[in-house]
Amino acid sequence: MPLIPEEPQIHESAQGPRATSASGRTAPTPRPVPGPRPVAPPRPGRPGPLRPTPPVQRTPRDTAKPGPSGPAVPAAAAAAPQIQLIPASVESALDSAEEAVDLLLDSGRAPGDVLVITTGTQHPWADHELSFGEASYWAQHDAGDDVFYTDAAVASRAATRPVVVVAVNGGPDGVAATALPLALSRAGALLIVCGDPQRINSVLGVGV
């Protein structure tokens, strides 16, 4: 008998039938979307260089406790006042002192900064103010608002002022020897002496 060939049978794959596209071709099977990759464990190896630990901030040391106090150290002596000499005769010394006062005021000195001492005839201002009594006269000195004129005989009562002007305009022989050192002690910054240079230098003991 002739053998009758069997019709080939088409087996479906395990994934099921494939979809066909409109053109009749079988569409490719979609690939699964990959999920997130697991984090790889750290690879063993040499440890990296370690950063140096920052230095510990030092706390300030306690101030040393003072020991027993020693003898007190005297304060530095104040600088000596500058000395300026204006050559003048006995007759012109008072006028030279007046000109010096005018220059001081014009340069910005306050009137209360200036004390004027005369060794001979008093300044007319002092004569006028003393006519109202010594109390009124010295009250103006204490107020310190204006130039103060005084005689060398009572100049020790005057207080220190930044500038002292001395007019060596006569008087007894020893008055200048007393008045000039006194004037130097009353001058805070500047001593101006109007008179004979040789006499002034011999009294103060300095070349001015």
N, C-alpha and C. Protein backbone atom coordinates (compact mmCIF):
# COMPACT_ATOMS: atom_id res chain seq x y z
N MET A 1 0.85 -1.18 0.00
CA MET A 1 0.00 0.00 0.00
C MET A 1 0.87 1.20 0.00
N PRO A 2 0.43 2.16 -0.72
CA PRO A 2 1.21 3.41 -0.70
C PRO A 2 1.01 4.10 0.63
N LEU A 3 2.15 4.67 1.10
CA LEU A 3 2.09 5.42 2.39
C LEU A 3 1.52 6.78 2.14
N ILE A 4 0.63 7.15 2.99
CA ILE A 4 0.04 8.52 2.93
C ILE A 4 0.84 9.41 3.85
N PRO A 5 1.47 10.43 3.31
CA PRO A 5 2.28 11.34 4.21
C PRO A 5 1.38 12.07 5.19
N GLU A 6 1.89 12.09 6.43
CA GLU A 6 1.12 12.82 7.46
C GLU A 6 1.38 14.31 7.33
N GLU A 7 0.41 15.04 7.65
CA GLU A 7 0.55 16.52 7.63
C GLU A 7 1.47 16.95 8.78
N PRO A 8 2.38 17.81 8.46
CA PRO A 8 3.28 18.29 9.54
C PRO A 8 2.49 19.07 10.58
N GLN A 9 2.80 18.78 11.81
CA GLN A 9 2.11 19.49 12.90
C GLN A 9 3.02 20.58 13.46
N ILE A 10 2.38 21.66 13.63
CA ILE A 10 3.11 22.85 14.13
C ILE A 10 2.98 22.89 15.63
N HIS A 11 4.15 22.85 16.31
CA HIS A 11 4.14 22.91 17.78
C HIS A 11 4.38 24.33 18.25
N GLU A 12 3.58 24.71 19.17
CA GLU A 12 3.79 26.06 19.75
C GLU A 12 4.92 26.00 20.76
N SER A 13 5.67 27.10 20.80
CA SER A 13 6.77 27.16 21.78
C SER A 13 6.24 27.34 23.17
N ALA A 14 7.11 27.16 24.13
CA ALA A 14 6.69 27.30 25.54
C ALA A 14 6.26 28.70 25.87
N GLN A 15 6.72 29.69 25.09
CA GLN A 15 6.38 31.07 25.41
C GLN A 15 5.03 31.44 24.87
N GLY A 16 4.36 30.53 24.18
CA GLY A 16 3.04 30.86 23.65
C GLY A 16 3.14 31.36 22.26
N PRO A 17 2.05 31.56 21.62
CA PRO A 17 2.06 31.99 20.22
C PRO A 17 2.61 33.39 20.08
N ARG A 18 3.35 33.65 19.01
CA ARG A 18 3.89 34.97 18.76
C ARG A 18 2.85 35.83 18.08
N ALA A 19 2.90 37.05 18.42
CA ALA A 19 1.96 37.99 17.79
C ALA A 19 2.47 38.33 16.41
N THR A 20 1.53 38.54 15.55
CA THR A 20 1.90 38.91 14.19
C THR A 20 1.61 40.36 13.98
N SER A 21 2.46 40.95 13.19
CA SER A 21 2.26 42.37 12.88
C SER A 21 1.31 42.50 11.73
N ALA A 22 0.98 43.70 11.42
CA ALA A 22 0.03 43.96 10.34
C ALA A 22 0.58 43.48 9.01
N SER A 23 1.90 43.44 8.89
CA SER A 23 2.48 43.01 7.62
C SER A 23 2.52 41.51 7.50
N GLY A 24 2.15 40.88 8.59
CA GLY A 24 2.14 39.44 8.55
C GLY A 24 3.35 38.81 9.17
N ARG A 25 4.38 39.64 9.48
CA ARG A 25 5.60 39.12 10.10
C ARG A 25 5.39 38.99 11.61
N THR A 26 6.06 38.04 12.10
CA THR A 26 5.96 37.82 13.54
C THR A 26 6.74 38.90 14.27
N ALA A 27 6.09 39.57 15.25
CA ALA A 27 6.75 40.65 16.02
C ALA A 27 7.74 40.04 16.98
N PRO A 28 8.83 40.69 17.17
CA PRO A 28 9.85 40.16 18.11
C PRO A 28 9.33 40.18 19.52
N THR A 29 9.78 39.21 20.25
CA THR A 29 9.36 39.12 21.64
C THR A 29 9.99 40.25 22.45
N PRO A 30 9.18 41.02 23.21
CA PRO A 30 9.77 42.14 23.98
C PRO A 30 10.70 41.62 25.05
N ARG A 31 11.86 42.32 25.18
CA ARG A 31 12.83 41.94 26.20
C ARG A 31 12.40 42.48 27.57
N PRO A 32 12.66 41.72 28.58
CA PRO A 32 12.27 42.22 29.91
C PRO A 32 13.11 43.45 30.29
N VAL A 33 12.47 44.40 30.98
CA VAL A 33 13.16 45.64 31.43
C VAL A 33 14.05 45.31 32.59
N PRO A 34 15.33 45.61 32.48
CA PRO A 34 16.22 45.27 33.61
C PRO A 34 15.90 46.11 34.83
N GLY A 35 15.92 45.49 35.97
CA GLY A 35 15.68 46.22 37.22
C GLY A 35 16.94 46.88 37.74
N PRO A 36 16.89 47.53 38.88
CA PRO A 36 18.09 48.21 39.43
C PRO A 36 19.16 47.20 39.79
N ARG A 37 20.41 47.59 39.48
CA ARG A 37 21.51 46.70 39.78
C ARG A 37 21.82 46.70 41.27
N PRO A 38 22.08 45.56 41.80
CA PRO A 38 22.45 45.55 43.23
C PRO A 38 23.77 46.24 43.45
N VAL A 39 23.88 46.89 44.62
CA VAL A 39 25.12 47.60 44.95
C VAL A 39 26.21 46.60 45.16
N ALA A 40 27.31 46.83 44.47
CA ALA A 40 28.43 45.90 44.59
C ALA A 40 29.09 46.07 45.94
N PRO A 41 29.41 44.98 46.57
CA PRO A 41 30.09 45.09 47.86
C PRO A 41 31.46 45.70 47.68
N PRO A 42 31.95 46.44 48.68
CA PRO A 42 33.28 47.07 48.54
C PRO A 42 34.35 46.03 48.32
N ARG A 43 35.25 46.39 47.44
CA ARG A 43 36.34 45.47 47.14
C ARG A 43 37.38 45.51 48.25
N PRO A 44 37.82 44.36 48.62
CA PRO A 44 38.88 44.37 49.65
C PRO A 44 40.16 44.94 49.07
N GLY A 45 40.86 45.70 49.85
CA GLY A 45 42.10 46.29 49.38
C GLY A 45 42.74 47.08 50.50
N ARG A 46 43.75 47.88 50.16
CA ARG A 46 44.45 48.66 51.16
C ARG A 46 43.61 49.87 51.57
N PRO A 47 43.58 50.14 52.82
CA PRO A 47 42.83 51.35 53.25
C PRO A 47 43.51 52.60 52.73
N GLY A 48 42.69 53.64 52.40
CA GLY A 48 43.24 54.89 51.92
C GLY A 48 43.98 55.63 53.02
N PRO A 49 44.70 56.67 52.63
CA PRO A 49 45.46 57.43 53.65
C PRO A 49 44.51 58.11 54.62
N LEU A 50 44.82 57.97 55.88
CA LEU A 50 43.99 58.59 56.91
C LEU A 50 44.36 60.05 57.07
N ARG A 51 43.36 60.89 57.20
CA ARG A 51 43.63 62.31 57.44
C ARG A 51 44.09 62.51 58.88
N PRO A 52 45.08 63.36 59.05
CA PRO A 52 45.56 63.57 60.43
C PRO A 52 44.47 64.21 61.28
N THR A 53 44.40 63.77 62.49
CA THR A 53 43.41 64.33 63.43
C THR A 53 43.79 65.77 63.75
N PRO A 54 42.83 66.71 63.64
CA PRO A 54 43.17 68.11 63.93
C PRO A 54 43.68 68.24 65.35
N PRO A 55 44.69 69.10 65.54
CA PRO A 55 45.26 69.25 66.89
C PRO A 55 44.21 69.77 67.86
N VAL A 56 44.33 69.29 69.05
CA VAL A 56 43.39 69.73 70.08
C VAL A 56 43.70 71.18 70.45
N GLN A 57 42.68 72.00 70.44
CA GLN A 57 42.87 73.41 70.77
C GLN A 57 43.24 73.55 72.23
N ARG A 58 44.36 74.23 72.41
CA ARG A 58 44.83 74.41 73.77
C ARG A 58 44.06 75.51 74.48
N THR A 59 43.76 75.24 75.66
CA THR A 59 43.09 76.27 76.46
C THR A 59 44.14 77.18 77.05
N PRO A 60 43.85 78.50 77.12
CA PRO A 60 44.85 79.42 77.67
C PRO A 60 45.20 79.05 79.10
N ARG A 61 46.48 79.17 79.37
CA ARG A 61 46.90 78.88 80.72
C ARG A 61 46.37 79.91 81.70
N ASP A 62 46.15 79.45 82.86
CA ASP A 62 45.69 80.37 83.89
C ASP A 62 46.77 81.41 84.16
N THR A 63 46.30 82.62 84.35
CA THR A 63 47.24 83.70 84.65
C THR A 63 47.94 83.40 85.96
N ALA A 64 49.24 83.53 85.90
CA ALA A 64 49.99 83.24 87.11
C ALA A 64 49.56 84.16 88.23
N LYS A 65 49.42 83.57 89.35
CA LYS A 65 49.00 84.38 90.50
C LYS A 65 50.15 85.29 90.90
N PRO A 66 49.82 86.56 91.14
CA PRO A 66 50.90 87.48 91.52
C PRO A 66 51.49 87.08 92.86
N GLY A 67 52.77 87.18 92.91
CA GLY A 67 53.45 86.88 94.15
C GLY A 67 53.39 88.06 95.08
N PRO A 68 54.12 88.02 96.10
CA PRO A 68 54.11 89.15 97.04
C PRO A 68 54.58 90.41 96.35
N SER A 69 53.86 91.46 96.52
CA SER A 69 54.16 92.71 95.84
C SER A 69 55.46 93.29 96.37
N GLY A 70 56.27 93.77 95.41
CA GLY A 70 57.53 94.37 95.79
C GLY A 70 57.35 95.86 96.01
N PRO A 71 58.42 96.57 96.13
CA PRO A 71 58.32 98.02 96.34
C PRO A 71 57.73 98.69 95.12
N ALA A 72 56.95 99.69 95.34
CA ALA A 72 56.30 100.41 94.25
C ALA A 72 57.34 101.08 93.37
N VAL A 73 57.14 100.95 92.05
CA VAL A 73 58.05 101.58 91.11
C VAL A 73 57.58 103.00 90.84
N PRO A 74 58.39 103.99 91.04
CA PRO A 74 57.94 105.37 90.83
C PRO A 74 57.62 105.61 89.37
N ALA A 75 56.61 106.40 89.11
CA ALA A 75 56.22 106.72 87.73
C ALA A 75 57.32 107.53 87.07
N ALA A 76 57.37 107.42 85.74
CA ALA A 76 58.39 108.15 84.99
C ALA A 76 58.18 109.65 85.15
N ALA A 77 59.26 110.32 85.35
CA ALA A 77 59.17 111.76 85.55
C ALA A 77 58.69 112.42 84.27
N ALA A 78 57.89 113.44 84.45
CA ALA A 78 57.37 114.17 83.29
C ALA A 78 58.51 114.86 82.56
N ALA A 79 58.36 114.99 81.26
CA ALA A 79 59.39 115.63 80.46
C ALA A 79 59.54 117.08 80.89
N ALA A 80 60.79 117.52 80.90
CA ALA A 80 61.05 118.91 81.29
C ALA A 80 60.50 119.86 80.24
N PRO A 81 60.01 121.00 80.67
CA PRO A 81 59.47 121.96 79.68
C PRO A 81 60.56 122.53 78.79
N GLN A 82 60.16 122.91 77.63
CA GLN A 82 61.09 123.57 76.70
C GLN A 82 61.33 125.00 77.18
N ILE A 83 62.57 125.46 77.01
CA ILE A 83 62.93 126.82 77.43
C ILE A 83 63.26 127.64 76.19
N GLN A 84 62.66 128.80 76.11
CA GLN A 84 62.89 129.70 74.98
C GLN A 84 63.31 131.07 75.53
N LEU A 85 64.37 131.59 74.99
CA LEU A 85 64.89 132.89 75.43
C LEU A 85 64.65 133.95 74.38
N ILE A 86 64.11 135.08 74.85
CA ILE A 86 63.93 136.24 73.97
C ILE A 86 64.83 137.35 74.53
N PRO A 87 65.93 137.64 73.85
CA PRO A 87 66.82 138.70 74.36
C PRO A 87 66.10 140.04 74.46
N ALA A 88 66.26 140.70 75.60
CA ALA A 88 65.61 141.99 75.81
C ALA A 88 66.32 142.71 76.95
N SER A 89 66.27 144.00 76.89
CA SER A 89 66.83 144.81 77.97
C SER A 89 65.83 144.87 79.12
N VAL A 90 66.28 145.45 80.23
CA VAL A 90 65.36 145.58 81.37
C VAL A 90 64.15 146.42 80.98
N GLU A 91 64.39 147.45 80.20
CA GLU A 91 63.30 148.36 79.83
C GLU A 91 62.32 147.72 78.83
N SER A 92 62.80 146.84 77.97
CA SER A 92 61.93 146.27 76.92
C SER A 92 61.44 144.86 77.25
N ALA A 93 61.83 144.31 78.38
CA ALA A 93 61.48 142.93 78.72
C ALA A 93 59.96 142.74 78.82
N LEU A 94 59.26 143.72 79.44
CA LEU A 94 57.81 143.56 79.60
C LEU A 94 57.10 143.63 78.25
N ASP A 95 57.56 144.54 77.37
CA ASP A 95 56.95 144.61 76.04
C ASP A 95 57.21 143.32 75.25
N SER A 96 58.41 142.75 75.40
CA SER A 96 58.72 141.49 74.71
C SER A 96 57.83 140.36 75.24
N ALA A 97 57.55 140.37 76.54
CA ALA A 97 56.67 139.36 77.11
C ALA A 97 55.25 139.50 76.56
N GLU A 98 54.79 140.76 76.39
CA GLU A 98 53.46 140.99 75.82
C GLU A 98 53.38 140.47 74.38
N GLU A 99 54.45 140.71 73.62
CA GLU A 99 54.46 140.22 72.24
C GLU A 99 54.45 138.69 72.22
N ALA A 100 55.16 138.08 73.15
CA ALA A 100 55.17 136.62 73.21
C ALA A 100 53.79 136.06 73.53
N VAL A 101 53.08 136.74 74.42
CA VAL A 101 51.72 136.30 74.77
C VAL A 101 50.80 136.42 73.56
N ASP A 102 50.93 137.52 72.83
CA ASP A 102 50.09 137.70 71.64
C ASP A 102 50.34 136.59 70.61
N LEU A 103 51.61 136.23 70.43
CA LEU A 103 51.93 135.17 69.48
C LEU A 103 51.37 133.82 69.94
N LEU A 104 51.41 133.58 71.25
CA LEU A 104 50.86 132.33 71.77
C LEU A 104 49.36 132.24 71.51
N LEU A 105 48.66 133.34 71.77
CA LEU A 105 47.21 133.33 71.55
C LEU A 105 46.87 133.22 70.07
N ASP A 106 47.66 133.88 69.23
CA ASP A 106 47.41 133.80 67.79
C ASP A 106 47.66 132.39 67.25
N SER A 107 48.56 131.65 67.90
CA SER A 107 48.87 130.30 67.44
C SER A 107 47.86 129.27 67.94
N GLY A 108 46.89 129.70 68.75
CA GLY A 108 45.86 128.78 69.20
C GLY A 108 45.87 128.46 70.68
N ARG A 109 46.82 128.99 71.42
CA ARG A 109 46.85 128.76 72.86
C ARG A 109 45.66 129.43 73.52
N ALA A 110 45.05 128.74 74.46
CA ALA A 110 43.95 129.33 75.22
C ALA A 110 44.51 130.33 76.21
N PRO A 111 43.82 131.45 76.46
CA PRO A 111 44.33 132.43 77.43
C PRO A 111 44.60 131.82 78.80
N GLY A 112 43.78 130.87 79.20
CA GLY A 112 43.98 130.26 80.51
C GLY A 112 45.21 129.38 80.61
N ASP A 113 45.90 129.14 79.47
CA ASP A 113 47.11 128.33 79.48
C ASP A 113 48.36 129.13 79.84
N VAL A 114 48.24 130.45 79.96
CA VAL A 114 49.43 131.31 80.05
C VAL A 114 49.49 132.01 81.41
N LEU A 115 50.67 131.95 82.01
CA LEU A 115 50.98 132.68 83.24
C LEU A 115 52.17 133.59 82.95
N VAL A 116 52.07 134.86 83.35
CA VAL A 116 53.14 135.83 83.12
C VAL A 116 53.65 136.30 84.48
N ILE A 117 54.98 136.23 84.65
CA ILE A 117 55.63 136.64 85.90
C ILE A 117 56.58 137.79 85.59
N THR A 118 56.52 138.82 86.41
CA THR A 118 57.42 139.96 86.26
C THR A 118 58.34 140.03 87.48
N THR A 119 59.60 140.40 87.23
CA THR A 119 60.56 140.50 88.34
C THR A 119 60.67 141.93 88.85
N GLY A 120 60.26 142.90 88.06
CA GLY A 120 60.35 144.30 88.47
C GLY A 120 58.97 144.91 88.59
N THR A 121 58.71 145.94 87.79
CA THR A 121 57.42 146.60 87.80
C THR A 121 56.32 145.62 87.37
N GLN A 122 55.23 145.65 88.11
CA GLN A 122 54.12 144.74 87.78
C GLN A 122 53.46 145.13 86.46
N HIS A 123 52.81 144.18 85.86
CA HIS A 123 52.05 144.43 84.65
C HIS A 123 50.84 145.30 85.03
N PRO A 124 50.46 146.22 84.15
CA PRO A 124 49.31 147.09 84.45
C PRO A 124 48.04 146.32 84.78
N TRP A 125 47.84 145.16 84.16
CA TRP A 125 46.63 144.37 84.46
C TRP A 125 46.62 143.95 85.92
N ALA A 126 47.78 143.50 86.44
CA ALA A 126 47.85 143.07 87.83
C ALA A 126 47.60 144.24 88.76
N ASP A 127 48.17 145.40 88.45
CA ASP A 127 47.91 146.58 89.29
C ASP A 127 46.42 146.90 89.32
N HIS A 128 45.77 146.82 88.18
CA HIS A 128 44.35 147.15 88.11
C HIS A 128 43.50 146.14 88.90
N GLU A 129 43.76 144.88 88.74
CA GLU A 129 42.94 143.88 89.42
C GLU A 129 43.19 143.86 90.93
N LEU A 130 44.41 144.14 91.36
CA LEU A 130 44.69 144.18 92.79
C LEU A 130 44.01 145.36 93.47
N SER A 131 43.61 146.35 92.69
CA SER A 131 42.89 147.48 93.27
C SER A 131 41.51 147.08 93.80
N PHE A 132 41.00 145.91 93.34
CA PHE A 132 39.72 145.41 93.82
C PHE A 132 39.88 144.43 94.99
N GLY A 133 41.12 144.23 95.39
CA GLY A 133 41.37 143.34 96.51
C GLY A 133 42.02 142.04 96.07
N GLU A 134 42.81 141.46 96.95
CA GLU A 134 43.52 140.23 96.62
C GLU A 134 42.58 139.05 96.40
N ALA A 135 41.46 139.04 97.15
CA ALA A 135 40.52 137.93 97.00
C ALA A 135 39.99 137.86 95.57
N SER A 136 39.59 139.02 95.03
CA SER A 136 39.08 139.07 93.66
C SER A 136 40.19 138.74 92.65
N TYR A 137 41.40 139.22 92.97
CA TYR A 137 42.54 139.00 92.09
C TYR A 137 42.85 137.51 91.96
N TRP A 138 42.97 136.80 93.08
CA TRP A 138 43.30 135.38 93.04
C TRP A 138 42.12 134.51 92.62
N ALA A 139 40.93 135.05 92.76
CA ALA A 139 39.77 134.29 92.25
C ALA A 139 39.84 134.17 90.74
N GLN A 140 40.36 135.21 90.09
CA GLN A 140 40.51 135.13 88.64
C GLN A 140 41.59 134.12 88.26
N HIS A 141 42.63 134.04 89.10
CA HIS A 141 43.66 133.03 88.86
C HIS A 141 43.08 131.62 88.97
N ASP A 142 42.27 131.40 90.00
CA ASP A 142 41.70 130.08 90.21
C ASP A 142 40.71 129.70 89.10
N ALA A 143 40.02 130.70 88.55
CA ALA A 143 39.07 130.43 87.47
C ALA A 143 39.78 129.93 86.22
N GLY A 144 41.00 130.43 85.98
CA GLY A 144 41.78 129.95 84.84
C GLY A 144 41.18 130.28 83.49
N ASP A 145 40.45 131.38 83.39
CA ASP A 145 39.80 131.74 82.13
C ASP A 145 40.61 132.70 81.28
N ASP A 146 41.64 133.33 81.84
CA ASP A 146 42.36 134.37 81.11
C ASP A 146 43.84 134.31 81.47
N VAL A 147 44.63 135.05 80.70
CA VAL A 147 46.05 135.17 81.01
C VAL A 147 46.17 135.80 82.41
N PHE A 148 47.05 135.22 83.23
CA PHE A 148 47.20 135.74 84.58
C PHE A 148 48.59 136.34 84.74
N TYR A 149 48.62 137.58 85.26
CA TYR A 149 49.88 138.31 85.47
C TYR A 149 50.12 138.42 86.97
N THR A 150 51.34 138.11 87.38
CA THR A 150 51.67 138.19 88.79
C THR A 150 53.11 138.63 88.99
N ASP A 151 53.40 139.09 90.20
CA ASP A 151 54.74 139.53 90.55
C ASP A 151 55.54 138.33 91.06
N ALA A 152 56.84 138.37 90.83
CA ALA A 152 57.69 137.26 91.25
C ALA A 152 57.63 137.04 92.76
N ALA A 153 57.34 138.10 93.53
CA ALA A 153 57.32 137.97 94.98
C ALA A 153 56.19 137.06 95.45
N VAL A 154 55.11 136.97 94.70
CA VAL A 154 53.96 136.14 95.11
C VAL A 154 53.68 135.04 94.09
N ALA A 155 54.59 134.81 93.15
CA ALA A 155 54.35 133.83 92.09
C ALA A 155 54.27 132.40 92.62
N SER A 156 54.82 132.16 93.82
CA SER A 156 54.76 130.80 94.35
C SER A 156 53.32 130.36 94.62
N ARG A 157 52.41 131.31 94.74
CA ARG A 157 51.01 130.98 94.97
C ARG A 157 50.31 130.54 93.69
N ALA A 158 50.91 130.86 92.55
CA ALA A 158 50.28 130.53 91.26
C ALA A 158 50.41 129.03 90.99
N ALA A 159 49.39 128.50 90.33
CA ALA A 159 49.37 127.08 89.97
C ALA A 159 50.11 126.86 88.66
N THR A 160 50.37 125.61 88.35
CA THR A 160 51.05 125.25 87.11
C THR A 160 50.16 125.53 85.90
N ARG A 161 50.76 126.08 84.85
CA ARG A 161 50.07 126.30 83.59
C ARG A 161 50.96 125.80 82.46
N PRO A 162 50.37 125.46 81.32
CA PRO A 162 51.19 124.93 80.22
C PRO A 162 52.32 125.84 79.80
N VAL A 163 52.09 127.15 79.79
CA VAL A 163 53.12 128.09 79.35
C VAL A 163 53.31 129.16 80.42
N VAL A 164 54.58 129.42 80.75
CA VAL A 164 54.92 130.50 81.68
C VAL A 164 55.86 131.45 80.95
N VAL A 165 55.55 132.74 81.02
CA VAL A 165 56.37 133.78 80.41
C VAL A 165 56.92 134.64 81.53
N VAL A 166 58.24 134.82 81.54
CA VAL A 166 58.90 135.63 82.57
C VAL A 166 59.50 136.86 81.91
N ALA A 167 59.17 138.02 82.48
CA ALA A 167 59.77 139.27 82.04
C ALA A 167 60.78 139.70 83.11
N VAL A 168 62.06 139.57 82.79
CA VAL A 168 63.11 139.99 83.73
C VAL A 168 63.29 141.50 83.52
N ASN A 169 62.40 142.27 84.15
CA ASN A 169 62.36 143.72 83.91
C ASN A 169 62.82 144.51 85.13
N GLY A 170 63.82 144.00 85.81
CA GLY A 170 64.37 144.73 86.95
C GLY A 170 64.13 143.99 88.25
N GLY A 171 64.06 144.80 89.32
CA GLY A 171 63.89 144.23 90.65
C GLY A 171 65.23 144.03 91.34
N PRO A 172 65.19 143.59 92.57
CA PRO A 172 66.43 143.34 93.33
C PRO A 172 67.34 142.36 92.61
N ASP A 173 68.62 142.36 92.98
CA ASP A 173 69.60 141.53 92.28
C ASP A 173 69.27 140.03 92.37
N GLY A 174 68.77 139.58 93.50
CA GLY A 174 68.54 138.15 93.67
C GLY A 174 67.17 137.67 93.24
N VAL A 175 66.31 138.60 92.75
CA VAL A 175 64.95 138.18 92.42
C VAL A 175 64.91 137.23 91.21
N ALA A 176 65.76 137.48 90.24
CA ALA A 176 65.76 136.61 89.05
C ALA A 176 66.23 135.21 89.42
N ALA A 177 67.21 135.12 90.33
CA ALA A 177 67.72 133.82 90.74
C ALA A 177 66.63 132.98 91.42
N THR A 178 65.65 133.65 92.02
CA THR A 178 64.54 132.94 92.67
C THR A 178 63.38 132.73 91.71
N ALA A 179 63.10 133.75 90.89
CA ALA A 179 61.92 133.71 90.03
C ALA A 179 62.05 132.69 88.89
N LEU A 180 63.25 132.58 88.30
CA LEU A 180 63.39 131.69 87.15
C LEU A 180 63.23 130.21 87.50
N PRO A 181 63.87 129.70 88.55
CA PRO A 181 63.61 128.29 88.91
C PRO A 181 62.15 128.05 89.30
N LEU A 182 61.52 129.04 89.95
CA LEU A 182 60.11 128.90 90.29
C LEU A 182 59.25 128.85 89.03
N ALA A 183 59.56 129.72 88.08
CA ALA A 183 58.81 129.73 86.83
C ALA A 183 58.97 128.41 86.09
N LEU A 184 60.18 127.83 86.14
CA LEU A 184 60.42 126.56 85.47
C LEU A 184 59.58 125.45 86.10
N SER A 185 59.40 125.51 87.41
CA SER A 185 58.58 124.49 88.08
C SER A 185 57.10 124.66 87.81
N ARG A 186 56.68 125.84 87.40
CA ARG A 186 55.26 126.10 87.11
C ARG A 186 54.91 125.89 85.64
N ALA A 187 55.92 125.73 84.79
CA ALA A 187 55.67 125.57 83.35
C ALA A 187 55.45 124.10 83.02
N GLY A 188 54.29 123.82 82.42
CA GLY A 188 54.00 122.44 82.06
C GLY A 188 54.67 122.01 80.76
N ALA A 189 54.75 122.91 79.78
CA ALA A 189 55.30 122.54 78.48
C ALA A 189 56.35 123.53 77.96
N LEU A 190 56.19 124.81 78.28
CA LEU A 190 57.07 125.83 77.69
C LEU A 190 57.32 126.96 78.68
N LEU A 191 58.60 127.33 78.78
CA LEU A 191 59.00 128.50 79.57
C LEU A 191 59.66 129.50 78.63
N ILE A 192 59.12 130.70 78.59
CA ILE A 192 59.67 131.78 77.76
C ILE A 192 60.22 132.84 78.70
N VAL A 193 61.48 133.19 78.53
CA VAL A 193 62.13 134.18 79.39
C VAL A 193 62.59 135.35 78.53
N CYS A 194 62.16 136.54 78.90
CA CYS A 194 62.53 137.77 78.18
C CYS A 194 63.49 138.56 79.07
N GLY A 195 64.73 138.72 78.62
CA GLY A 195 65.71 139.44 79.43
C GLY A 195 67.10 139.26 78.89
N ASP A 196 68.08 139.55 79.74
CA ASP A 196 69.48 139.48 79.38
C ASP A 196 69.90 138.00 79.28
N PRO A 197 70.38 137.54 78.13
CA PRO A 197 70.72 136.12 77.96
C PRO A 197 71.79 135.63 78.95
N GLN A 198 72.83 136.42 79.20
CA GLN A 198 73.89 135.97 80.09
C GLN A 198 73.36 135.79 81.51
N ARG A 199 72.55 136.69 81.94
CA ARG A 199 71.99 136.59 83.29
C ARG A 199 71.06 135.38 83.41
N ILE A 200 70.27 135.16 82.38
CA ILE A 200 69.32 134.04 82.41
C ILE A 200 70.07 132.71 82.38
N ASN A 201 71.09 132.60 81.53
CA ASN A 201 71.85 131.36 81.44
C ASN A 201 72.57 131.04 82.75
N SER A 202 73.08 132.08 83.40
CA SER A 202 73.79 131.83 84.67
C SER A 202 72.83 131.37 85.76
N VAL A 203 71.59 131.82 85.69
CA VAL A 203 70.61 131.42 86.72
C VAL A 203 70.08 130.01 86.46
N LEU A 204 69.69 129.73 85.23
CA LEU A 204 69.11 128.43 84.91
C LEU A 204 70.15 127.34 84.73
N GLY A 205 71.39 127.75 84.46
CA GLY A 205 72.44 126.76 84.30
C GLY A 205 72.38 126.00 83.00
N VAL A 206 71.68 126.53 82.00
CA VAL A 206 71.58 125.88 80.69
C VAL A 206 71.75 126.95 79.63
N GLY A 207 72.22 126.52 78.48
CA GLY A 207 72.34 127.43 77.35
C GLY A 207 71.05 127.50 76.59
N VAL A 208 70.38 128.62 76.58
CA VAL A 208 69.12 128.78 75.88
C VAL A 208 69.22 129.93 74.91
